[in-house]
Amino acid sequence: YAFLQATGFVNDHLTGCRCKGGRQQTA
């Protein structure tokens, strides 16, 4: 689950967090 959170398969940023949105990440 921590892996899924870290890699954006699950977005658990809290409502109100400045990072709630997401973007693609490359190497």
PDB file of all heavy atoms in Angstrom:
ATOM      1  N   TYR A   1       0.838  -1.209   0.000  1.00  0.00           N
ATOM      2  CA  TYR A   1       0.000   0.000   0.000  1.00  0.00           C
ATOM      3  C   TYR A   1       0.874   1.260   0.000  1.00  0.00           C
ATOM      4  O   TYR A   1       0.598   2.216  -0.723  1.00  0.00           O
ATOM      5  CB  TYR A   1      -0.972   0.007   1.180  1.00  0.00           C
ATOM      6  CG  TYR A   1      -2.029   1.090   1.050  1.00  0.00           C
ATOM      7  CD1 TYR A   1      -3.056   0.963   0.111  1.00  0.00           C
ATOM      8  CD2 TYR A   1      -1.992   2.231   1.831  1.00  0.00           C
ATOM      9  CE1 TYR A   1      -4.019   1.954  -0.036  1.00  0.00           C
ATOM     10  CE2 TYR A   1      -2.953   3.232   1.689  1.00  0.00           C
ATOM     11  CZ  TYR A   1      -3.966   3.079   0.752  1.00  0.00           C
ATOM     12  OH  TYR A   1      -4.915   4.068   0.595  1.00  0.00           O
ATOM     13  N   ALA A   2       1.950   1.245   0.786  1.00  0.00           N
ATOM     14  CA  ALA A   2       2.876   2.386   0.805  1.00  0.00           C
ATOM     15  C   ALA A   2       3.495   2.588  -0.585  1.00  0.00           C
ATOM     16  O   ALA A   2       3.660   3.724  -1.050  1.00  0.00           O
ATOM     17  CB  ALA A   2       3.963   2.175   1.854  1.00  0.00           C
ATOM     18  N   PHE A   3       3.819   1.494  -1.260  1.00  0.00           N
ATOM     19  CA  PHE A   3       4.345   1.551  -2.631  1.00  0.00           C
ATOM     20  C   PHE A   3       3.313   2.186  -3.570  1.00  0.00           C
ATOM     21  O   PHE A   3       3.645   3.059  -4.382  1.00  0.00           O
ATOM     22  CB  PHE A   3       4.693   0.131  -3.091  1.00  0.00           C
ATOM     23  CG  PHE A   3       4.975  -0.009  -4.561  1.00  0.00           C
ATOM     24  CD1 PHE A   3       6.239   0.242  -5.072  1.00  0.00           C
ATOM     25  CD2 PHE A   3       3.978  -0.416  -5.437  1.00  0.00           C
ATOM     26  CE1 PHE A   3       6.497   0.103  -6.432  1.00  0.00           C
ATOM     27  CE2 PHE A   3       4.221  -0.553  -6.798  1.00  0.00           C
ATOM     28  CZ  PHE A   3       5.488  -0.294  -7.295  1.00  0.00           C
ATOM     29  N   LEU A   4       2.060   1.766  -3.462  1.00  0.00           N
ATOM     30  CA  LEU A   4       0.990   2.302  -4.324  1.00  0.00           C
ATOM     31  C   LEU A   4       0.768   3.794  -4.060  1.00  0.00           C
ATOM     32  O   LEU A   4       0.514   4.564  -4.995  1.00  0.00           O
ATOM     33  CB  LEU A   4      -0.304   1.512  -4.114  1.00  0.00           C
ATOM     34  CG  LEU A   4      -0.257   0.037  -4.521  1.00  0.00           C
ATOM     35  CD1 LEU A   4      -1.555  -0.680  -4.123  1.00  0.00           C
ATOM     36  CD2 LEU A   4       0.019  -0.138  -6.015  1.00  0.00           C
ATOM     37  N   GLN A   5       0.862   4.204  -2.794  1.00  0.00           N
ATOM     38  CA  GLN A   5       0.748   5.630  -2.453  1.00  0.00           C
ATOM     39  C   GLN A   5       1.915   6.418  -3.042  1.00  0.00           C
ATOM     40  O   GLN A   5       1.726   7.476  -3.634  1.00  0.00           O
ATOM     41  CB  GLN A   5       0.757   5.825  -0.935  1.00  0.00           C
ATOM     42  CG  GLN A   5      -0.476   5.356  -0.205  1.00  0.00           C
ATOM     43  CD  GLN A   5      -0.265   5.451   1.304  1.00  0.00           C
ATOM     44  OE1 GLN A   5       0.711   4.930   1.840  1.00  0.00           O
ATOM     45  NE2 GLN A   5      -1.166   6.131   1.983  1.00  0.00           N
ATOM     46  N   ALA A   6       3.120   5.902  -2.857  1.00  0.00           N
ATOM     47  CA  ALA A   6       4.322   6.615  -3.300  1.00  0.00           C
ATOM     48  C   ALA A   6       4.322   6.823  -4.806  1.00  0.00           C
ATOM     49  O   ALA A   6       4.770   7.859  -5.297  1.00  0.00           O
ATOM     50  CB  ALA A   6       5.571   5.840  -2.879  1.00  0.00           C
ATOM     51  N   THR A   7       3.802   5.846  -5.546  1.00  0.00           N
ATOM     52  CA  THR A   7       3.893   5.871  -7.008  1.00  0.00           C
ATOM     53  C   THR A   7       2.597   6.326  -7.676  1.00  0.00           C
ATOM     54  O   THR A   7       2.444   6.205  -8.892  1.00  0.00           O
ATOM     55  CB  THR A   7       4.310   4.484  -7.542  1.00  0.00           C
ATOM     56  OG1 THR A   7       3.406   3.493  -7.029  1.00  0.00           O
ATOM     57  CG2 THR A   7       5.742   4.142  -7.118  1.00  0.00           C
ATOM     58  N   GLY A   8       1.662   6.849  -6.892  1.00  0.00           N
ATOM     59  CA  GLY A   8       0.480   7.492  -7.448  1.00  0.00           C
ATOM     60  C   GLY A   8      -0.619   6.571  -7.936  1.00  0.00           C
ATOM     61  O   GLY A   8      -1.593   7.038  -8.535  1.00  0.00           O
ATOM     62  N   PHE A   9      -0.501   5.280  -7.677  1.00  0.00           N
ATOM     63  CA  PHE A   9      -1.626   4.387  -8.012  1.00  0.00           C
ATOM     64  C   PHE A   9      -2.772   4.640  -7.036  1.00  0.00           C
ATOM     65  O   PHE A   9      -3.924   4.375  -7.332  1.00  0.00           O
ATOM     66  CB  PHE A   9      -1.191   2.918  -7.983  1.00  0.00           C
ATOM     67  CG  PHE A   9      -0.281   2.557  -9.115  1.00  0.00           C
ATOM     68  CD1 PHE A   9       1.098   2.570  -8.945  1.00  0.00           C
ATOM     69  CD2 PHE A   9      -0.790   2.243 -10.366  1.00  0.00           C
ATOM     70  CE1 PHE A   9       1.948   2.254  -9.994  1.00  0.00           C
ATOM     71  CE2 PHE A   9       0.053   1.927 -11.430  1.00  0.00           C
ATOM     72  CZ  PHE A   9       1.421   1.939 -11.237  1.00  0.00           C
ATOM     73  N   VAL A  10      -2.401   5.152  -5.869  1.00  0.00           N
ATOM     74  CA  VAL A  10      -3.373   5.628  -4.884  1.00  0.00           C
ATOM     75  C   VAL A  10      -2.925   7.034  -4.482  1.00  0.00           C
ATOM     76  O   VAL A  10      -1.771   7.227  -4.100  1.00  0.00           O
ATOM     77  CB  VAL A  10      -3.413   4.724  -3.635  1.00  0.00           C
ATOM     78  CG1 VAL A  10      -4.335   5.309  -2.577  1.00  0.00           C
ATOM     79  CG2 VAL A  10      -3.836   3.310  -3.994  1.00  0.00           C
ATOM     80  N   ASN A  11      -3.817   8.008  -4.607  1.00  0.00           N
ATOM     81  CA  ASN A  11      -3.495   9.369  -4.184  1.00  0.00           C
ATOM     82  C   ASN A  11      -4.185   9.619  -2.847  1.00  0.00           C
ATOM     83  O   ASN A  11      -5.399   9.762  -2.783  1.00  0.00           O
ATOM     84  CB  ASN A  11      -3.969  10.385  -5.237  1.00  0.00           C
ATOM     85  CG  ASN A  11      -3.595  11.810  -4.864  1.00  0.00           C
ATOM     86  OD1 ASN A  11      -3.448  12.162  -3.699  1.00  0.00           O
ATOM     87  ND2 ASN A  11      -3.464  12.659  -5.875  1.00  0.00           N
ATOM     88  N   ASP A  12      -3.376   9.618  -1.798  1.00  0.00           N
ATOM     89  CA  ASP A  12      -3.897   9.823  -0.447  1.00  0.00           C
ATOM     90  C   ASP A  12      -3.523  11.194   0.120  1.00  0.00           C
ATOM     91  O   ASP A  12      -3.567  11.386   1.339  1.00  0.00           O
ATOM     92  CB  ASP A  12      -3.409   8.715   0.495  1.00  0.00           C
ATOM     93  CG  ASP A  12      -4.283   7.473   0.435  1.00  0.00           C
ATOM     94  OD1 ASP A  12      -5.405   7.547  -0.105  1.00  0.00           O
ATOM     95  OD2 ASP A  12      -3.841   6.413   0.929  1.00  0.00           O
ATOM     96  N   HIS A  13      -3.155  12.148  -0.749  1.00  0.00           N
ATOM     97  CA  HIS A  13      -2.972  13.507  -0.242  1.00  0.00           C
ATOM     98  C   HIS A  13      -4.311  13.963   0.340  1.00  0.00           C
ATOM     99  O   HIS A  13      -5.373  13.727  -0.252  1.00  0.00           O
ATOM    100  CB  HIS A  13      -2.561  14.472  -1.366  1.00  0.00           C
ATOM    101  CG  HIS A  13      -1.114  14.366  -1.732  1.00  0.00           C
ATOM    102  ND1 HIS A  13      -0.096  14.846  -0.926  1.00  0.00           N
ATOM    103  CD2 HIS A  13      -0.508  13.839  -2.822  1.00  0.00           C
ATOM    104  CE1 HIS A  13       1.068  14.614  -1.516  1.00  0.00           C
ATOM    105  NE2 HIS A  13       0.850  14.005  -2.658  1.00  0.00           N
ATOM    106  N   LEU A  14      -4.254  14.577   1.504  1.00  0.00           N
ATOM    107  CA  LEU A  14      -5.477  15.009   2.164  1.00  0.00           C
ATOM    108  C   LEU A  14      -6.153  16.138   1.401  1.00  0.00           C
ATOM    109  O   LEU A  14      -5.497  16.938   0.728  1.00  0.00           O
ATOM    110  CB  LEU A  14      -5.170  15.494   3.588  1.00  0.00           C
ATOM    111  CG  LEU A  14      -4.629  14.457   4.564  1.00  0.00           C
ATOM    112  CD1 LEU A  14      -4.389  15.102   5.926  1.00  0.00           C
ATOM    113  CD2 LEU A  14      -5.568  13.269   4.704  1.00  0.00           C
ATOM    114  N   THR A  15      -7.485  16.192   1.528  1.00  0.00           N
ATOM    115  CA  THR A  15      -8.220  17.345   1.021  1.00  0.00           C
ATOM    116  C   THR A  15      -7.656  18.574   1.737  1.00  0.00           C
ATOM    117  O   THR A  15      -7.498  18.561   2.952  1.00  0.00           O
ATOM    118  CB  THR A  15      -9.720  17.190   1.342  1.00  0.00           C
ATOM    119  OG1 THR A  15     -10.161  15.959   0.762  1.00  0.00           O
ATOM    120  CG2 THR A  15     -10.533  18.329   0.791  1.00  0.00           C
ATOM    121  N   GLY A  16      -7.283  19.593   1.003  1.00  0.00           N
ATOM    122  CA  GLY A  16      -6.670  20.771   1.621  1.00  0.00           C
ATOM    123  C   GLY A  16      -5.164  20.796   1.472  1.00  0.00           C
ATOM    124  O   GLY A  16      -4.529  21.813   1.727  1.00  0.00           O
ATOM    125  N   CYS A  17      -4.574  19.668   1.048  1.00  0.00           N
ATOM    126  CA  CYS A  17      -3.132  19.634   0.813  1.00  0.00           C
ATOM    127  C   CYS A  17      -2.829  20.299  -0.530  1.00  0.00           C
ATOM    128  O   CYS A  17      -3.544  20.082  -1.503  1.00  0.00           O
ATOM    129  CB  CYS A  17      -2.634  18.189   0.799  1.00  0.00           C
ATOM    130  SG  CYS A  17      -0.891  18.037   0.334  1.00  0.00           S
ATOM    131  N   ARG A  18      -1.753  21.071  -0.557  1.00  0.00           N
ATOM    132  CA  ARG A  18      -1.359  21.778  -1.780  1.00  0.00           C
ATOM    133  C   ARG A  18      -1.007  20.828  -2.926  1.00  0.00           C
ATOM    134  O   ARG A  18      -0.936  21.245  -4.075  1.00  0.00           O
ATOM    135  CB  ARG A  18      -0.180  22.697  -1.503  1.00  0.00           C
ATOM    136  CG  ARG A  18       1.081  21.942  -1.094  1.00  0.00           C
ATOM    137  CD  ARG A  18       2.294  22.836  -0.919  1.00  0.00           C
ATOM    138  NE  ARG A  18       2.143  23.687   0.241  1.00  0.00           N
ATOM    139  CZ  ARG A  18       2.844  24.795   0.429  1.00  0.00           C
ATOM    140  NH1 ARG A  18       3.730  25.182  -0.453  1.00  0.00           N
ATOM    141  NH2 ARG A  18       2.680  25.517   1.510  1.00  0.00           N
ATOM    142  N   CYS A  19      -0.774  19.552  -2.624  1.00  0.00           N
ATOM    143  CA  CYS A  19      -0.347  18.585  -3.646  1.00  0.00           C
ATOM    144  C   CYS A  19      -1.453  17.616  -4.046  1.00  0.00           C
ATOM    145  O   CYS A  19      -1.173  16.547  -4.587  1.00  0.00           O
ATOM    146  CB  CYS A  19       0.855  17.798  -3.136  1.00  0.00           C
ATOM    147  SG  CYS A  19       2.284  18.815  -2.790  1.00  0.00           S
ATOM    148  N   LYS A  20      -2.690  17.962  -3.784  1.00  0.00           N
ATOM    149  CA  LYS A  20      -3.782  17.018  -4.065  1.00  0.00           C
ATOM    150  C   LYS A  20      -3.837  16.613  -5.535  1.00  0.00           C
ATOM    151  O   LYS A  20      -4.159  15.495  -5.858  1.00  0.00           O
ATOM    152  CB  LYS A  20      -5.129  17.614  -3.624  1.00  0.00           C
ATOM    153  CG  LYS A  20      -6.280  16.630  -3.705  1.00  0.00           C
ATOM    154  CD  LYS A  20      -6.027  15.431  -2.810  1.00  0.00           C
ATOM    155  CE  LYS A  20      -7.150  14.418  -2.937  1.00  0.00           C
ATOM    156  NZ  LYS A  20      -6.831  13.165  -2.293  1.00  0.00           N
ATOM    157  N   GLY A  21      -3.484  17.506  -6.465  1.00  0.00           N
ATOM    158  CA  GLY A  21      -3.469  17.149  -7.888  1.00  0.00           C
ATOM    159  C   GLY A  21      -2.309  16.213  -8.184  1.00  0.00           C
ATOM    160  O   GLY A  21      -1.523  15.896  -7.314  1.00  0.00           O
ATOM    161  N   GLY A  22      -2.163  15.756  -9.427  1.00  0.00           N
ATOM    162  CA  GLY A  22      -1.066  14.844  -9.773  1.00  0.00           C
ATOM    163  C   GLY A  22      -0.503  15.173 -11.143  1.00  0.00           C
ATOM    164  O   GLY A  22      -1.134  15.824 -11.943  1.00  0.00           O
ATOM    165  N   ARG A  23       0.725  14.691 -11.354  1.00  0.00           N
ATOM    166  CA  ARG A  23       1.327  14.829 -12.693  1.00  0.00           C
ATOM    167  C   ARG A  23       2.168  13.584 -12.962  1.00  0.00           C
ATOM    168  O   ARG A  23       2.561  12.882 -12.052  1.00  0.00           O
ATOM    169  CB  ARG A  23       2.183  16.088 -12.798  1.00  0.00           C
ATOM    170  CG  ARG A  23       3.391  16.063 -11.914  1.00  0.00           C
ATOM    171  CD  ARG A  23       4.254  17.300 -12.131  1.00  0.00           C
ATOM    172  NE  ARG A  23       5.235  17.409 -11.084  1.00  0.00           N
ATOM    173  CZ  ARG A  23       6.309  16.620 -10.975  1.00  0.00           C
ATOM    174  NH1 ARG A  23       6.529  15.667 -11.807  1.00  0.00           N
ATOM    175  NH2 ARG A  23       7.165  16.791  -9.983  1.00  0.00           N
ATOM    176  N   GLN A  24       2.436  13.331 -14.248  1.00  0.00           N
ATOM    177  CA  GLN A  24       3.206  12.162 -14.631  1.00  0.00           C
ATOM    178  C   GLN A  24       4.664  12.352 -14.232  1.00  0.00           C
ATOM    179  O   GLN A  24       5.197  13.452 -14.304  1.00  0.00           O
ATOM    180  CB  GLN A  24       3.091  11.977 -16.151  1.00  0.00           C
ATOM    181  CG  GLN A  24       3.313  10.577 -16.622  1.00  0.00           C
ATOM    182  CD  GLN A  24       2.239   9.612 -16.176  1.00  0.00           C
ATOM    183  OE1 GLN A  24       1.265   9.970 -15.533  1.00  0.00           O
ATOM    184  NE2 GLN A  24       2.410   8.370 -16.508  1.00  0.00           N
ATOM    185  N   GLN A  25       5.305  11.277 -13.819  1.00  0.00           N
ATOM    186  CA  GLN A  25       6.702  11.349 -13.403  1.00  0.00           C
ATOM    187  C   GLN A  25       7.512  10.400 -14.274  1.00  0.00           C
ATOM    188  O   GLN A  25       7.098   9.286 -14.526  1.00  0.00           O
ATOM    189  CB  GLN A  25       6.793  10.929 -11.939  1.00  0.00           C
ATOM    190  CG  GLN A  25       8.162  11.043 -11.348  1.00  0.00           C
ATOM    191  CD  GLN A  25       8.154  10.646  -9.894  1.00  0.00           C
ATOM    192  OE1 GLN A  25       7.142  10.648  -9.231  1.00  0.00           O
ATOM    193  NE2 GLN A  25       9.314  10.273  -9.392  1.00  0.00           N
ATOM    194  N   THR A  26       8.672  10.854 -14.730  1.00  0.00           N
ATOM    195  CA  THR A  26       9.543   9.995 -15.544  1.00  0.00           C
ATOM    196  C   THR A  26      10.896   9.898 -14.873  1.00  0.00           C
ATOM    197  O   THR A  26      11.216  10.648 -13.966  1.00  0.00           O
ATOM    198  CB  THR A  26       9.695  10.575 -16.967  1.00  0.00           C
ATOM    199  OG1 THR A  26      10.127  11.925 -16.853  1.00  0.00           O
ATOM    200  CG2 THR A  26       8.395  10.529 -17.726  1.00  0.00           C
ATOM    201  N   ALA A  27      11.684   8.971 -15.369  1.00  0.00           N
ATOM    202  CA  ALA A  27      12.980   8.706 -14.736  1.00  0.00           C
ATOM    203  C   ALA A  27      13.913   9.909 -14.841  1.00  0.00           C
ATOM    204  O   ALA A  27      13.923  10.587 -15.855  1.00  0.00           O
ATOM    205  CB  ALA A  27      13.638   7.497 -15.397  1.00  0.00           C
TER     206      ALA A  27
END
